[in-house]
Amino acid sequence: MRSIGIAGSCLFFAIVFAAAAMSAVPAPAQTFDEGMKAYQAEDFATALKIFRTLADQGQAAAQVNLGIMYANGEGVEQNDAEAERWIRNAADRGFAAAQVTLALMYDEGQGVPQDHAKAAQWFRKAAAQGHVGAQLNLGLIYHAGRGVKRDDAEAAQWFRKATEQGHTGAQVNLGILYANGWGVKQDPAEAARWYRAAADQGDVDAQYRLARLYETGQGVQQDAAEAARWLREAAQRGHADAQLNLATMYAEGQGVKRDDVLAYSWATFAALNERLSDKAVPLRDKLTARMTKEQIAAAEQQLYEWRTRPERQ
């Protein structure tokens, strides 16, 4: 898989954006919204007061947010026990966002003893309710055998459920299963189909993987130009492997017109990734040896312009 780690674990400290109508006890939507506005304005004292009032009334979304504020120490002294109490209260009542939050807590041992089996149990509860993030994570858990017996067929089922909701991470991971024949019959064409679904939505990993299929002709008709197109999409969004591959294609004129200036620029970007520097630096050195001073200057100017674009700030 592209990632064994639990997806979305960084969201543990994120406040839940949920309408009051999602909670067990109705409350004025604007009251919850006022709590959200106060939180976003970093007026934690006001947000805490609003969420505590709603939490005491039984509003699940407010209970989760109150728990997270305790976990973060926002507007209140940090308290793991209180964080768990409020989040578990909402989770026990079936609120999917709380169940996912509690699962992430158990998976990472944040505020509770680390317990991968309990993490899997809570992800399953939320996944059964259709929570797409839980479905993705449950698929990752079954692939990794983390808290459960490894079962790629089960992983494929949960990834497929998440793909039905358009989740790009699930689409990529399902594609990886098909590419390798893990839990499903190996089918490069099916892998390409799922990579393309995610690539069309802007997933850079999917764009890179789809490009590699076009390079090798696996599951699709071999097409170096199409491979270069998808590599460019991923490279422009910072995918280091795509940057290195694209540099090589420009250096060799594969699928694109040979262009040492672009090859040098992309190799330089790829060299910033420590994992790839042993390949990117020699490529750049090889290009430097055959480039004119004017070409190197043009490449350096291009690098400067790319690095200082407003969208990169």
C-alpha atoms as a PDB file:
ATOM      1  CA  MET A   1       0.000   0.000   0.000  1.00  0.00           C
ATOM      2  CA  ARG A   2       1.090   3.598  -0.332  1.00  0.00           C
ATOM      3  CA  SER A   3       0.724   4.011   3.434  1.00  0.00           C
ATOM      4  CA  ILE A   4       0.582   1.578   6.325  1.00  0.00           C
ATOM      5  CA  GLY A   5      -0.113   4.382   8.776  1.00  0.00           C
ATOM      6  CA  ILE A   6      -3.655   5.284   9.688  1.00  0.00           C
ATOM      7  CA  ALA A   7      -5.086   7.884   7.351  1.00  0.00           C
ATOM      8  CA  GLY A   8      -6.273  11.082   8.934  1.00  0.00           C
ATOM      9  CA  SER A   9      -4.499  10.530  12.244  1.00  0.00           C
ATOM     10  CA  CYS A  10      -3.438  14.176  12.146  1.00  0.00           C
ATOM     11  CA  LEU A  11      -7.123  15.065  12.500  1.00  0.00           C
ATOM     12  CA  PHE A  12      -7.234  13.919  16.113  1.00  0.00           C
ATOM     13  CA  PHE A  13      -6.753  17.484  17.274  1.00  0.00           C
ATOM     14  CA  ALA A  14      -9.259  18.940  14.803  1.00  0.00           C
ATOM     15  CA  ILE A  15     -12.609  20.297  15.881  1.00  0.00           C
ATOM     16  CA  VAL A  16     -15.629  18.522  14.413  1.00  0.00           C
ATOM     17  CA  PHE A  17     -17.631  20.589  11.931  1.00  0.00           C
ATOM     18  CA  ALA A  18     -21.110  19.169  12.468  1.00  0.00           C
ATOM     19  CA  ALA A  19     -24.565  20.657  12.309  1.00  0.00           C
ATOM     20  CA  ALA A  20     -26.677  20.515  15.439  1.00  0.00           C
ATOM     21  CA  ALA A  21     -29.165  18.346  13.577  1.00  0.00           C
ATOM     22  CA  MET A  22     -26.621  15.517  13.622  1.00  0.00           C
ATOM     23  CA  SER A  23     -26.683  15.215  17.391  1.00  0.00           C
ATOM     24  CA  ALA A  24     -29.039  13.227  19.540  1.00  0.00           C
ATOM     25  CA  VAL A  25     -30.667  16.226  21.225  1.00  0.00           C
ATOM     26  CA  PRO A  26     -31.709  19.089  18.912  1.00  0.00           C
ATOM     27  CA  ALA A  27     -30.306  22.533  19.660  1.00  0.00           C
ATOM     28  CA  PRO A  28     -30.377  25.800  17.733  1.00  0.00           C
ATOM     29  CA  ALA A  29     -27.987  25.420  14.813  1.00  0.00           C
ATOM     30  CA  GLN A  30     -26.797  29.006  15.205  1.00  0.00           C
ATOM     31  CA  THR A  31     -25.696  28.275  18.776  1.00  0.00           C
ATOM     32  CA  PHE A  32     -23.400  25.511  17.616  1.00  0.00           C
ATOM     33  CA  ASP A  33     -22.294  27.731  14.743  1.00  0.00           C
ATOM     34  CA  GLU A  34     -21.491  30.486  17.229  1.00  0.00           C
ATOM     35  CA  GLY A  35     -19.257  28.033  19.053  1.00  0.00           C
ATOM     36  CA  MET A  36     -17.509  27.198  15.800  1.00  0.00           C
ATOM     37  CA  LYS A  37     -17.053  30.870  14.924  1.00  0.00           C
ATOM     38  CA  ALA A  38     -15.604  31.577  18.360  1.00  0.00           C
ATOM     39  CA  TYR A  39     -13.236  28.616  18.041  1.00  0.00           C
ATOM     40  CA  GLN A  40     -12.070  29.668  14.584  1.00  0.00           C
ATOM     41  CA  ALA A  41     -11.469  33.172  15.934  1.00  0.00           C
ATOM     42  CA  GLU A  42      -9.375  31.545  18.702  1.00  0.00           C
ATOM     43  CA  ASP A  43     -11.790  32.835  21.307  1.00  0.00           C
ATOM     44  CA  PHE A  44     -11.454  29.551  23.147  1.00  0.00           C
ATOM     45  CA  ALA A  45     -13.117  30.728  26.357  1.00  0.00           C
ATOM     46  CA  THR A  46     -16.352  31.540  24.505  1.00  0.00           C
ATOM     47  CA  ALA A  47     -16.172  28.381  22.382  1.00  0.00           C
ATOM     48  CA  LEU A  48     -15.611  26.256  25.478  1.00  0.00           C
ATOM     49  CA  LYS A  49     -18.605  27.803  27.238  1.00  0.00           C
ATOM     50  CA  ILE A  50     -20.910  27.192  24.270  1.00  0.00           C
ATOM     51  CA  PHE A  51     -19.737  23.640  23.641  1.00  0.00           C
ATOM     52  CA  ARG A  52     -19.966  22.760  27.339  1.00  0.00           C
ATOM     53  CA  THR A  53     -23.562  24.009  27.501  1.00  0.00           C
ATOM     54  CA  LEU A  54     -24.539  22.016  24.418  1.00  0.00           C
ATOM     55  CA  ALA A  55     -22.572  18.974  25.584  1.00  0.00           C
ATOM     56  CA  ASP A  56     -24.438  18.982  28.894  1.00  0.00           C
ATOM     57  CA  GLN A  57     -27.662  19.007  26.849  1.00  0.00           C
ATOM     58  CA  GLY A  58     -26.479  15.856  25.090  1.00  0.00           C
ATOM     59  CA  GLN A  59     -25.397  17.277  21.741  1.00  0.00           C
ATOM     60  CA  ALA A  60     -22.863  14.771  20.401  1.00  0.00           C
ATOM     61  CA  ALA A  61     -20.948  17.113  18.111  1.00  0.00           C
ATOM     62  CA  ALA A  62     -20.455  19.556  20.985  1.00  0.00           C
ATOM     63  CA  GLN A  63     -19.304  16.701  23.233  1.00  0.00           C
ATOM     64  CA  VAL A  64     -16.624  15.751  20.704  1.00  0.00           C
ATOM     65  CA  ASN A  65     -15.475  19.354  20.363  1.00  0.00           C
ATOM     66  CA  LEU A  66     -15.389  19.820  24.128  1.00  0.00           C
ATOM     67  CA  GLY A  67     -13.300  16.655  24.420  1.00  0.00           C
ATOM     68  CA  ILE A  68     -10.900  17.848  21.755  1.00  0.00           C
ATOM     69  CA  MET A  69     -10.493  21.190  23.487  1.00  0.00           C
ATOM     70  CA  TYR A  70      -9.550  19.312  26.647  1.00  0.00           C
ATOM     71  CA  ALA A  71      -7.112  17.220  24.625  1.00  0.00           C
ATOM     72  CA  ASN A  72      -5.526  20.336  23.132  1.00  0.00           C
ATOM     73  CA  GLY A  73      -5.667  22.454  26.290  1.00  0.00           C
ATOM     74  CA  GLU A  74      -7.580  25.145  24.449  1.00  0.00           C
ATOM     75  CA  GLY A  75      -9.395  27.509  26.821  1.00  0.00           C
ATOM     76  CA  VAL A  76      -8.972  24.965  29.588  1.00  0.00           C
ATOM     77  CA  GLU A  77      -6.166  23.062  31.290  1.00  0.00           C
ATOM     78  CA  GLN A  78      -5.149  20.059  29.197  1.00  0.00           C
ATOM     79  CA  ASN A  79      -6.825  16.948  30.573  1.00  0.00           C
ATOM     80  CA  ASP A  80      -6.690  13.594  28.776  1.00  0.00           C
ATOM     81  CA  ALA A  81      -9.221  11.991  31.107  1.00  0.00           C
ATOM     82  CA  GLU A  82     -11.840  14.672  30.423  1.00  0.00           C
ATOM     83  CA  ALA A  83     -11.064  14.504  26.710  1.00  0.00           C
ATOM     84  CA  GLU A  84     -11.688  10.773  26.638  1.00  0.00           C
ATOM     85  CA  ARG A  85     -14.822  11.067  28.788  1.00  0.00           C
ATOM     86  CA  TRP A  86     -16.565  13.505  26.502  1.00  0.00           C
ATOM     87  CA  ILE A  87     -15.483  11.855  23.253  1.00  0.00           C
ATOM     88  CA  ARG A  88     -16.408   8.395  24.523  1.00  0.00           C
ATOM     89  CA  ASN A  89     -19.802   9.683  25.648  1.00  0.00           C
ATOM     90  CA  ALA A  90     -20.606  10.723  22.075  1.00  0.00           C
ATOM     91  CA  ALA A  91     -19.025   7.581  20.622  1.00  0.00           C
ATOM     92  CA  ASP A  92     -21.079   5.288  22.876  1.00  0.00           C
ATOM     93  CA  ARG A  93     -24.212   7.021  21.625  1.00  0.00           C
ATOM     94  CA  GLY A  94     -23.310   6.199  18.031  1.00  0.00           C
ATOM     95  CA  PHE A  95     -21.888   9.505  16.768  1.00  0.00           C
ATOM     96  CA  ALA A  96     -19.566   8.424  13.938  1.00  0.00           C
ATOM     97  CA  ALA A  97     -17.195  11.394  14.166  1.00  0.00           C
ATOM     98  CA  ALA A  98     -16.647  10.620  17.858  1.00  0.00           C
ATOM     99  CA  GLN A  99     -16.054   6.956  17.093  1.00  0.00           C
ATOM    100  CA  VAL A 100     -13.382   7.862  14.543  1.00  0.00           C
ATOM    101  CA  THR A 101     -11.747  10.295  16.965  1.00  0.00           C
ATOM    102  CA  LEU A 102     -11.687   7.659  19.695  1.00  0.00           C
ATOM    103  CA  ALA A 103     -10.271   5.116  17.228  1.00  0.00           C
ATOM    104  CA  LEU A 104      -7.445   7.498  16.351  1.00  0.00           C
ATOM    105  CA  MET A 105      -6.755   8.049  20.042  1.00  0.00           C
ATOM    106  CA  TYR A 106      -6.393   4.312  20.600  1.00  0.00           C
ATOM    107  CA  ASP A 107      -4.329   3.833  17.465  1.00  0.00           C
ATOM    108  CA  GLU A 108      -1.779   6.448  18.470  1.00  0.00           C
ATOM    109  CA  GLY A 109      -2.054   6.143  22.238  1.00  0.00           C
ATOM    110  CA  GLN A 110      -3.095   9.788  22.591  1.00  0.00           C
ATOM    111  CA  GLY A 111      -4.828  10.227  25.922  1.00  0.00           C
ATOM    112  CA  VAL A 112      -5.499   6.492  26.242  1.00  0.00           C
ATOM    113  CA  PRO A 113      -3.269   3.395  26.326  1.00  0.00           C
ATOM    114  CA  GLN A 114      -2.377   2.433  22.758  1.00  0.00           C
ATOM    115  CA  ASP A 115      -4.575  -0.452  21.653  1.00  0.00           C
ATOM    116  CA  HIS A 116      -4.803  -1.279  17.953  1.00  0.00           C
ATOM    117  CA  ALA A 117      -7.547  -3.841  18.499  1.00  0.00           C
ATOM    118  CA  LYS A 118      -9.790  -1.229  20.147  1.00  0.00           C
ATOM    119  CA  ALA A 119      -8.922   1.227  17.392  1.00  0.00           C
ATOM    120  CA  ALA A 120     -10.126  -1.300  14.818  1.00  0.00           C
ATOM    121  CA  GLN A 121     -13.348  -1.871  16.778  1.00  0.00           C
ATOM    122  CA  TRP A 122     -14.191   1.834  16.831  1.00  0.00           C
ATOM    123  CA  PHE A 123     -13.290   2.320  13.177  1.00  0.00           C
ATOM    124  CA  ARG A 124     -15.612  -0.572  12.335  1.00  0.00           C
ATOM    125  CA  LYS A 125     -18.508   1.017  14.238  1.00  0.00           C
ATOM    126  CA  ALA A 126     -18.099   4.268  12.310  1.00  0.00           C
ATOM    127  CA  ALA A 127     -17.450   2.501   9.000  1.00  0.00           C
ATOM    128  CA  ALA A 128     -20.686   0.536   9.384  1.00  0.00           C
ATOM    129  CA  GLN A 129     -22.485   3.890   9.533  1.00  0.00           C
ATOM    130  CA  GLY A 130     -20.907   4.928   6.246  1.00  0.00           C
ATOM    131  CA  HIS A 131     -18.163   7.192   7.598  1.00  0.00           C
ATOM    132  CA  VAL A 132     -15.803   7.302   4.624  1.00  0.00           C
ATOM    133  CA  GLY A 133     -12.663   8.049   6.639  1.00  0.00           C
ATOM    134  CA  ALA A 134     -13.381   5.093   8.903  1.00  0.00           C
ATOM    135  CA  GLN A 135     -13.909   2.856   5.875  1.00  0.00           C
ATOM    136  CA  LEU A 136     -10.544   3.879   4.445  1.00  0.00           C
ATOM    137  CA  ASN A 137      -8.781   3.379   7.768  1.00  0.00           C
ATOM    138  CA  LEU A 138     -10.400  -0.006   8.289  1.00  0.00           C
ATOM    139  CA  GLY A 139      -9.103  -1.059   4.881  1.00  0.00           C
ATOM    140  CA  LEU A 140      -5.602   0.080   5.836  1.00  0.00           C
ATOM    141  CA  ILE A 141      -5.862  -1.762   9.143  1.00  0.00           C
ATOM    142  CA  TYR A 142      -6.818  -5.042   7.472  1.00  0.00           C
ATOM    143  CA  HIS A 143      -4.038  -4.683   4.925  1.00  0.00           C
ATOM    144  CA  ALA A 144      -1.456  -4.034   7.635  1.00  0.00           C
ATOM    145  CA  GLY A 145      -2.859  -6.592  10.109  1.00  0.00           C
ATOM    146  CA  ARG A 146      -2.926  -3.863  12.723  1.00  0.00           C
ATOM    147  CA  GLY A 147      -5.143  -4.930  15.607  1.00  0.00           C
ATOM    148  CA  VAL A 148      -6.759  -7.541  13.351  1.00  0.00           C
ATOM    149  CA  LYS A 149      -5.606 -10.538  11.352  1.00  0.00           C
ATOM    150  CA  ARG A 150      -4.264  -9.374   8.014  1.00  0.00           C
ATOM    151  CA  ASP A 151      -6.911  -9.857   5.345  1.00  0.00           C
ATOM    152  CA  ASP A 152      -6.520  -8.095   1.998  1.00  0.00           C
ATOM    153  CA  ALA A 153      -9.878  -9.349   0.761  1.00  0.00           C
ATOM    154  CA  GLU A 154     -11.515  -7.585   3.707  1.00  0.00           C
ATOM    155  CA  ALA A 155      -9.352  -4.530   3.031  1.00  0.00           C
ATOM    156  CA  ALA A 156     -10.594  -4.479  -0.562  1.00  0.00           C
ATOM    157  CA  GLN A 157     -14.217  -4.538   0.610  1.00  0.00           C
ATOM    158  CA  TRP A 158     -13.757  -1.498   2.834  1.00  0.00           C
ATOM    159  CA  PHE A 159     -11.763   0.397   0.217  1.00  0.00           C
ATOM    160  CA  ARG A 160     -14.527  -0.316  -2.281  1.00  0.00           C
ATOM    161  CA  LYS A 161     -17.166   1.066   0.094  1.00  0.00           C
ATOM    162  CA  ALA A 162     -15.141   4.258   0.442  1.00  0.00           C
ATOM    163  CA  THR A 163     -14.695   4.528  -3.332  1.00  0.00           C
ATOM    164  CA  GLU A 164     -18.484   4.567  -3.652  1.00  0.00           C
ATOM    165  CA  GLN A 165     -18.297   7.920  -1.877  1.00  0.00           C
ATOM    166  CA  GLY A 166     -15.552   9.157  -4.205  1.00  0.00           C
ATOM    167  CA  HIS A 167     -12.670   8.960  -1.709  1.00  0.00           C
ATOM    168  CA  THR A 168      -9.443   9.321  -3.692  1.00  0.00           C
ATOM    169  CA  GLY A 169      -7.300   7.597  -1.060  1.00  0.00           C
ATOM    170  CA  ALA A 170      -9.530   4.534  -1.235  1.00  0.00           C
ATOM    171  CA  GLN A 171      -9.444   4.613  -5.032  1.00  0.00           C
ATOM    172  CA  VAL A 172      -5.647   4.609  -5.048  1.00  0.00           C
ATOM    173  CA  ASN A 173      -5.387   1.858  -2.455  1.00  0.00           C
ATOM    174  CA  LEU A 174      -7.915  -0.309  -4.270  1.00  0.00           C
ATOM    175  CA  GLY A 175      -5.876   0.238  -7.417  1.00  0.00           C
ATOM    176  CA  ILE A 176      -2.760  -0.928  -5.571  1.00  0.00           C
ATOM    177  CA  LEU A 177      -4.540  -4.116  -4.495  1.00  0.00           C
ATOM    178  CA  TYR A 178      -5.488  -4.843  -8.113  1.00  0.00           C
ATOM    179  CA  ALA A 179      -1.992  -4.008  -9.352  1.00  0.00           C
ATOM    180  CA  ASN A 180      -0.449  -6.527  -6.953  1.00  0.00           C
ATOM    181  CA  GLY A 181      -3.207  -9.130  -6.737  1.00  0.00           C
ATOM    182  CA  TRP A 182      -3.639  -8.629  -3.003  1.00  0.00           C
ATOM    183  CA  GLY A 183      -7.050  -9.846  -1.869  1.00  0.00           C
ATOM    184  CA  VAL A 184      -8.360  -9.591  -5.426  1.00  0.00           C
ATOM    185  CA  LYS A 185      -7.466 -11.134  -8.769  1.00  0.00           C
ATOM    186  CA  GLN A 186      -4.522  -9.247 -10.239  1.00  0.00           C
ATOM    187  CA  ASP A 187      -5.825  -6.907 -12.917  1.00  0.00           C
ATOM    188  CA  PRO A 188      -3.616  -4.037 -14.184  1.00  0.00           C
ATOM    189  CA  ALA A 189      -6.498  -2.604 -16.218  1.00  0.00           C
ATOM    190  CA  GLU A 190      -8.654  -2.388 -13.098  1.00  0.00           C
ATOM    191  CA  ALA A 191      -5.721  -0.823 -11.244  1.00  0.00           C
ATOM    192  CA  ALA A 192      -5.439   1.780 -14.002  1.00  0.00           C
ATOM    193  CA  ARG A 193      -9.157   2.476 -13.791  1.00  0.00           C
ATOM    194  CA  TRP A 194      -8.987   3.268 -10.075  1.00  0.00           C
ATOM    195  CA  TYR A 195      -5.769   5.271 -10.409  1.00  0.00           C
ATOM    196  CA  ARG A 196      -7.397   7.345 -13.135  1.00  0.00           C
ATOM    197  CA  ALA A 197     -10.492   7.963 -10.995  1.00  0.00           C
ATOM    198  CA  ALA A 198      -8.292   9.437  -8.266  1.00  0.00           C
ATOM    199  CA  ALA A 199      -5.893  11.153 -10.680  1.00  0.00           C
ATOM    200  CA  ASP A 200      -8.767  12.997 -12.326  1.00  0.00           C
ATOM    201  CA  GLN A 201      -9.617  14.386  -8.880  1.00  0.00           C
ATOM    202  CA  GLY A 202      -6.068  15.643  -8.409  1.00  0.00           C
ATOM    203  CA  ASP A 203      -4.551  12.885  -6.256  1.00  0.00           C
ATOM    204  CA  VAL A 204      -0.803  13.214  -6.919  1.00  0.00           C
ATOM    205  CA  ASP A 205       0.051   9.644  -5.909  1.00  0.00           C
ATOM    206  CA  ALA A 206      -2.574   8.360  -8.333  1.00  0.00           C
ATOM    207  CA  GLN A 207      -1.208  10.613 -11.070  1.00  0.00           C
ATOM    208  CA  TYR A 208       2.273   9.209 -10.532  1.00  0.00           C
ATOM    209  CA  ARG A 209       1.099   5.605 -10.467  1.00  0.00           C
ATOM    210  CA  LEU A 210      -0.999   6.088 -13.601  1.00  0.00           C
ATOM    211  CA  ALA A 211       2.012   7.624 -15.348  1.00  0.00           C
ATOM    212  CA  ARG A 212       4.114   4.568 -14.514  1.00  0.00           C
ATOM    213  CA  LEU A 213       1.480   2.300 -16.035  1.00  0.00           C
ATOM    214  CA  TYR A 214       1.617   4.334 -19.252  1.00  0.00           C
ATOM    215  CA  GLU A 215       5.421   4.065 -19.190  1.00  0.00           C
ATOM    216  CA  THR A 216       5.320   0.275 -18.947  1.00  0.00           C
ATOM    217  CA  GLY A 217       2.101  -0.432 -20.831  1.00  0.00           C
ATOM    218  CA  GLN A 218       0.557  -2.330 -17.926  1.00  0.00           C
ATOM    219  CA  GLY A 219      -3.227  -2.172 -17.958  1.00  0.00           C
ATOM    220  CA  VAL A 220      -3.141   0.551 -20.612  1.00  0.00           C
ATOM    221  CA  GLN A 221      -1.613   1.003 -24.049  1.00  0.00           C
ATOM    222  CA  GLN A 222       1.986   2.095 -23.640  1.00  0.00           C
ATOM    223  CA  ASP A 223       2.177   5.822 -24.267  1.00  0.00           C
ATOM    224  CA  ALA A 224       5.243   7.829 -23.260  1.00  0.00           C
ATOM    225  CA  ALA A 225       3.558  11.153 -24.008  1.00  0.00           C
ATOM    226  CA  GLU A 226       0.624  10.303 -21.741  1.00  0.00           C
ATOM    227  CA  ALA A 227       3.075   9.143 -19.080  1.00  0.00           C
ATOM    228  CA  ALA A 228       4.861  12.494 -19.293  1.00  0.00           C
ATOM    229  CA  ARG A 229       1.564  14.351 -19.031  1.00  0.00           C
ATOM    230  CA  TRP A 230       0.614  12.649 -15.786  1.00  0.00           C
ATOM    231  CA  LEU A 231       4.142  12.937 -14.407  1.00  0.00           C
ATOM    232  CA  ARG A 232       4.004  16.672 -15.072  1.00  0.00           C
ATOM    233  CA  GLU A 233       0.707  16.943 -13.199  1.00  0.00           C
ATOM    234  CA  ALA A 234       2.192  15.218 -10.154  1.00  0.00           C
ATOM    235  CA  ALA A 235       5.591  16.912 -10.390  1.00  0.00           C
ATOM    236  CA  GLN A 236       4.046  20.374 -10.426  1.00  0.00           C
ATOM    237  CA  ARG A 237       2.327  19.529  -7.154  1.00  0.00           C
ATOM    238  CA  GLY A 238       5.544  18.417  -5.464  1.00  0.00           C
ATOM    239  CA  HIS A 239       5.660  14.643  -6.007  1.00  0.00           C
ATOM    240  CA  ALA A 240       9.408  13.961  -5.825  1.00  0.00           C
ATOM    241  CA  ASP A 241       9.390  10.631  -7.701  1.00  0.00           C
ATOM    242  CA  ALA A 242       7.386  12.236 -10.491  1.00  0.00           C
ATOM    243  CA  GLN A 243       9.895  15.090 -10.626  1.00  0.00           C
ATOM    244  CA  LEU A 244      12.796  12.649 -11.018  1.00  0.00           C
ATOM    245  CA  ASN A 245      11.034  10.591 -13.683  1.00  0.00           C
ATOM    246  CA  LEU A 246      10.008  13.695 -15.577  1.00  0.00           C
ATOM    247  CA  ALA A 247      13.586  15.006 -15.435  1.00  0.00           C
ATOM    248  CA  THR A 248      14.768  11.727 -16.948  1.00  0.00           C
ATOM    249  CA  MET A 249      12.180  11.908 -19.722  1.00  0.00           C
ATOM    250  CA  TYR A 250      13.224  15.461 -20.631  1.00  0.00           C
ATOM    251  CA  ALA A 251      16.899  14.469 -20.491  1.00  0.00           C
ATOM    252  CA  GLU A 252      16.331  11.533 -22.832  1.00  0.00           C
ATOM    253  CA  GLY A 253      13.532  12.946 -24.957  1.00  0.00           C
ATOM    254  CA  GLN A 254      11.057  10.204 -24.041  1.00  0.00           C
ATOM    255  CA  GLY A 255       7.470  11.229 -24.637  1.00  0.00           C
ATOM    256  CA  VAL A 256       8.582  14.866 -24.762  1.00  0.00           C
ATOM    257  CA  LYS A 257      11.011  16.917 -26.797  1.00  0.00           C
ATOM    258  CA  ARG A 258      14.451  16.733 -25.224  1.00  0.00           C
ATOM    259  CA  ASP A 259      14.962  19.800 -23.039  1.00  0.00           C
ATOM    260  CA  ASP A 260      18.031  19.960 -20.812  1.00  0.00           C
ATOM    261  CA  VAL A 261      16.855  23.142 -19.100  1.00  0.00           C
ATOM    262  CA  LEU A 262      13.616  21.513 -17.918  1.00  0.00           C
ATOM    263  CA  ALA A 263      15.447  18.284 -17.104  1.00  0.00           C
ATOM    264  CA  TYR A 264      17.946  20.211 -14.954  1.00  0.00           C
ATOM    265  CA  SER A 265      15.157  22.072 -13.173  1.00  0.00           C
ATOM    266  CA  TRP A 266      13.134  18.966 -12.343  1.00  0.00           C
ATOM    267  CA  ALA A 267      16.257  17.047 -11.287  1.00  0.00           C
ATOM    268  CA  THR A 268      17.107  19.888  -8.913  1.00  0.00           C
ATOM    269  CA  PHE A 269      13.675  19.731  -7.319  1.00  0.00           C
ATOM    270  CA  ALA A 270      13.914  15.938  -6.983  1.00  0.00           C
ATOM    271  CA  ALA A 271      17.366  16.266  -5.393  1.00  0.00           C
ATOM    272  CA  LEU A 272      15.779  18.141  -2.492  1.00  0.00           C
ATOM    273  CA  ASN A 273      14.271  14.814  -1.441  1.00  0.00           C
ATOM    274  CA  GLU A 274      16.951  12.984   0.538  1.00  0.00           C
ATOM    275  CA  ARG A 275      15.612   9.596  -0.568  1.00  0.00           C
ATOM    276  CA  LEU A 276      16.141  10.473  -4.233  1.00  0.00           C
ATOM    277  CA  SER A 277      19.263  12.626  -4.064  1.00  0.00           C
ATOM    278  CA  ASP A 278      21.569   9.721  -4.981  1.00  0.00           C
ATOM    279  CA  LYS A 279      19.784   9.505  -8.350  1.00  0.00           C
ATOM    280  CA  ALA A 280      18.783  13.099  -8.937  1.00  0.00           C
ATOM    281  CA  VAL A 281      22.187  14.663  -8.243  1.00  0.00           C
ATOM    282  CA  PRO A 282      24.118  12.428 -10.694  1.00  0.00           C
ATOM    283  CA  LEU A 283      21.466  13.148 -13.338  1.00  0.00           C
ATOM    284  CA  ARG A 284      21.823  16.878 -12.789  1.00  0.00           C
ATOM    285  CA  ASP A 285      25.624  16.576 -12.898  1.00  0.00           C
ATOM    286  CA  LYS A 286      25.391  14.685 -16.179  1.00  0.00           C
ATOM    287  CA  LEU A 287      23.172  17.420 -17.593  1.00  0.00           C
ATOM    288  CA  THR A 288      25.492  20.166 -16.327  1.00  0.00           C
ATOM    289  CA  ALA A 289      28.404  18.592 -18.189  1.00  0.00           C
ATOM    290  CA  ARG A 290      26.620  18.902 -21.529  1.00  0.00           C
ATOM    291  CA  MET A 291      24.793  22.206 -20.990  1.00  0.00           C
ATOM    292  CA  THR A 292      26.054  25.639 -21.945  1.00  0.00           C
ATOM    293  CA  LYS A 293      26.465  28.383 -19.358  1.00  0.00           C
ATOM    294  CA  GLU A 294      23.449  30.095 -20.880  1.00  0.00           C
ATOM    295  CA  GLN A 295      21.300  26.980 -20.468  1.00  0.00           C
ATOM    296  CA  ILE A 296      22.348  26.547 -16.837  1.00  0.00           C
ATOM    297  CA  ALA A 297      21.564  30.202 -16.164  1.00  0.00           C
ATOM    298  CA  ALA A 298      18.150  29.758 -17.796  1.00  0.00           C
ATOM    299  CA  ALA A 299      17.490  26.703 -15.640  1.00  0.00           C
ATOM    300  CA  GLU A 300      18.498  28.537 -12.464  1.00  0.00           C
ATOM    301  CA  GLN A 301      16.278  31.465 -13.409  1.00  0.00           C
ATOM    302  CA  GLN A 302      13.403  29.060 -14.035  1.00  0.00           C
ATOM    303  CA  LEU A 303      13.959  27.458 -10.642  1.00  0.00           C
ATOM    304  CA  TYR A 304      13.915  30.870  -8.981  1.00  0.00           C
ATOM    305  CA  GLU A 305      10.656  31.796 -10.700  1.00  0.00           C
ATOM    306  CA  TRP A 306       9.016  28.504  -9.743  1.00  0.00           C
ATOM    307  CA  ARG A 307      10.088  28.810  -6.122  1.00  0.00           C
ATOM    308  CA  THR A 308       8.802  32.360  -5.791  1.00  0.00           C
ATOM    309  CA  ARG A 309       5.405  31.892  -7.413  1.00  0.00           C
ATOM    310  CA  PRO A 310       2.606  33.245  -5.168  1.00  0.00           C
ATOM    311  CA  GLU A 311       0.912  29.831  -4.972  1.00  0.00           C
ATOM    312  CA  ARG A 312       4.099  28.376  -3.447  1.00  0.00           C
ATOM    313  CA  GLN A 313       4.148  30.907  -0.600  1.00  0.00           C
END
